[in-house]
Amino acid sequence: ELIGRRHLRSNNSWMHNSERLTKGPRACTALIAPKDASSRGIKDGDTITIRSRVGEVRIVAEVSDEMRAGVVSIPHGWGHAGEGVELRVAKSRAGVSVNDLTDERFLDALTGTASFSGVRVHVSKAPAGATDVAQGAE
């Protein structure tokens, strides 16, 4: 299952266009539990593919014992590589968007709106040489 997360210096995607707020280590990574990473041959820093019914993304894995087995987490508000994006700093550290994985058929029962947590995904190690790039499903 896919869940989102937020970073202290990333409350909104416009903050990704600030040199000061995007300094430091890569912020757009996929947190994955050690057990899940090990069973898939994934090591910290590897590029992985996360695929849902509607799309797939490639993103750098961050193996973390803070994650429960069976769950992967991608931060909210990234994915600035799209055509027409005119945010120079954000585009240079584009990351991937959870929206590329969100399934419009997976609805929150109470509100009837799209659910961004609990989306079913498949995680695998990306082919050698793959980089973290968002892609639509074929």
Protein backbone atom coordinates (compact mmCIF):
# COMPACT_ATOMS: atom_id res chain seq x y z
CA GLU A 1 0.00 0.00 0.00
CA LEU A 2 1.08 3.53 -0.74
CA ILE A 3 0.86 6.29 1.85
CA GLY A 4 1.99 9.90 1.64
CA ARG A 5 4.09 12.00 3.96
CA ARG A 6 5.14 15.61 4.41
CA HIS A 7 8.46 17.22 5.19
CA LEU A 8 8.99 20.17 7.51
CA ARG A 9 10.39 22.34 4.69
CA SER A 10 7.79 21.16 2.18
CA ASN A 11 4.30 22.10 3.32
CA ASN A 12 3.33 23.18 -0.19
CA SER A 13 4.86 22.43 -3.58
CA TRP A 14 5.74 26.11 -4.15
CA MET A 15 8.31 25.70 -1.38
CA HIS A 16 10.27 23.40 -3.73
CA ASN A 17 11.17 26.47 -5.79
CA SER A 18 13.23 27.97 -2.94
CA GLU A 19 16.99 27.29 -3.01
CA ARG A 20 17.11 27.63 0.78
CA LEU A 21 14.28 25.17 1.46
CA THR A 22 15.53 22.51 -0.98
CA LYS A 23 19.11 22.37 0.27
CA GLY A 24 20.39 19.18 1.79
CA PRO A 25 19.78 15.53 1.05
CA ARG A 26 17.23 14.39 -1.51
CA ALA A 27 13.75 14.83 -0.01
CA CYS A 28 11.64 12.94 -2.54
CA THR A 29 12.43 9.32 -1.72
CA ALA A 30 10.30 6.24 -1.16
CA LEU A 31 10.46 4.91 2.40
CA ILE A 32 10.33 1.12 2.41
CA ALA A 33 10.56 -1.38 5.27
CA PRO A 34 13.79 -3.40 5.56
CA LYS A 35 11.92 -6.71 5.18
CA ASP A 36 10.24 -5.56 1.95
CA ALA A 37 13.48 -4.12 0.57
CA SER A 38 15.43 -7.29 1.36
CA SER A 39 12.86 -9.60 -0.24
CA ARG A 40 13.05 -7.55 -3.47
CA GLY A 41 16.84 -7.14 -3.55
CA ILE A 42 16.53 -3.40 -2.87
CA LYS A 43 19.23 -1.50 -1.00
CA ASP A 44 19.18 2.01 0.40
CA GLY A 45 19.76 4.43 -2.51
CA ASP A 46 18.59 2.04 -5.26
CA THR A 47 16.11 3.29 -7.82
CA ILE A 48 12.83 1.38 -7.55
CA THR A 49 9.68 1.19 -9.62
CA ILE A 50 6.35 1.68 -7.89
CA ARG A 51 3.36 0.72 -10.05
CA SER A 52 -0.37 1.05 -9.44
CA ARG A 53 -3.33 0.23 -11.67
CA VAL A 54 -3.06 3.66 -13.32
CA GLY A 55 0.64 4.47 -13.57
CA GLU A 56 4.18 4.02 -12.38
CA VAL A 57 7.05 6.09 -11.04
CA ARG A 58 10.73 5.49 -10.52
CA ILE A 59 12.13 6.86 -7.30
CA VAL A 60 15.12 6.39 -4.99
CA ALA A 61 14.49 3.96 -2.12
CA GLU A 62 15.20 4.86 1.48
CA VAL A 63 15.15 1.72 3.61
CA SER A 64 13.65 2.63 6.98
CA ASP A 65 12.59 0.68 10.05
CA GLU A 66 9.99 3.43 10.55
CA MET A 67 7.90 1.75 7.84
CA ARG A 68 5.62 -1.20 8.42
CA ALA A 69 6.07 -4.18 6.08
CA GLY A 70 3.72 -3.95 3.10
CA VAL A 71 3.67 -0.13 3.07
CA VAL A 72 5.70 2.33 1.01
CA SER A 73 5.66 6.12 1.48
CA ILE A 74 6.23 8.93 -1.04
CA PRO A 75 6.11 12.59 0.03
CA HIS A 76 3.31 14.88 -1.09
CA GLY A 77 3.74 17.78 -3.50
CA TRP A 78 6.52 16.66 -5.85
CA GLY A 79 6.58 15.87 -9.57
CA HIS A 80 7.82 19.10 -11.16
CA ALA A 81 9.26 17.57 -14.35
CA GLY A 82 6.11 18.04 -16.42
CA GLU A 83 5.96 20.00 -19.62
CA GLY A 84 5.27 23.67 -18.98
CA VAL A 85 6.64 23.71 -15.43
CA GLU A 86 8.41 27.06 -15.13
CA LEU A 87 9.79 26.69 -11.61
CA ARG A 88 13.57 26.57 -12.23
CA VAL A 89 14.66 25.30 -8.79
CA ALA A 90 11.75 22.89 -8.39
CA LYS A 91 12.29 21.45 -11.87
CA SER A 92 15.98 20.81 -11.08
CA ARG A 93 14.90 18.58 -8.15
CA ALA A 94 11.61 17.44 -9.66
CA GLY A 95 10.88 14.24 -7.75
CA VAL A 96 7.79 12.18 -8.52
CA SER A 97 4.11 12.78 -7.90
CA VAL A 98 1.84 10.48 -5.93
CA ASN A 99 -0.88 11.69 -8.30
CA ASP A 100 0.67 9.50 -11.00
CA LEU A 101 -0.24 6.49 -8.84
CA THR A 102 -3.57 7.62 -7.39
CA ASP A 103 -6.42 5.44 -8.62
CA GLU A 104 -9.62 7.36 -9.37
CA ARG A 105 -11.60 4.16 -8.69
CA PHE A 106 -10.24 3.94 -5.14
CA LEU A 107 -12.58 6.24 -3.21
CA ASP A 108 -12.87 7.32 0.40
CA ALA A 109 -16.12 5.73 1.59
CA LEU A 110 -17.17 8.67 3.76
CA THR A 111 -16.60 11.54 1.31
CA GLY A 112 -16.73 9.80 -2.07
CA THR A 113 -13.49 11.54 -3.12
CA ALA A 114 -10.23 10.04 -4.32
CA SER A 115 -8.24 8.37 -1.58
CA PHE A 116 -4.53 9.11 -1.48
CA SER A 117 -3.65 6.64 1.29
CA GLY A 118 -3.85 2.90 0.98
CA VAL A 119 -3.54 2.79 -2.83
CA ARG A 120 -2.49 -0.71 -3.87
CA VAL A 121 0.95 -0.70 -5.48
CA HIS A 122 3.62 -3.13 -6.64
CA VAL A 123 7.23 -2.32 -5.73
CA SER A 124 10.27 -3.70 -7.56
CA LYS A 125 13.91 -2.84 -8.10
CA ALA A 126 14.23 -0.74 -11.26
CA PRO A 127 16.40 -2.00 -14.11
CA ALA A 128 20.10 -1.13 -13.91
CA GLY A 129 20.75 2.44 -15.04
CA ALA A 130 17.15 3.59 -14.43
CA THR A 131 16.66 7.03 -12.91
CA ASP A 132 13.80 8.41 -10.86
CA VAL A 133 11.33 9.51 -13.55
CA ALA A 134 7.52 9.64 -13.40
CA GLN A 135 5.78 7.74 -16.18
CA GLY A 136 2.15 7.10 -17.12
CA ALA A 137 0.92 3.54 -17.42
CA GLU A 138 1.06 1.96 -20.84
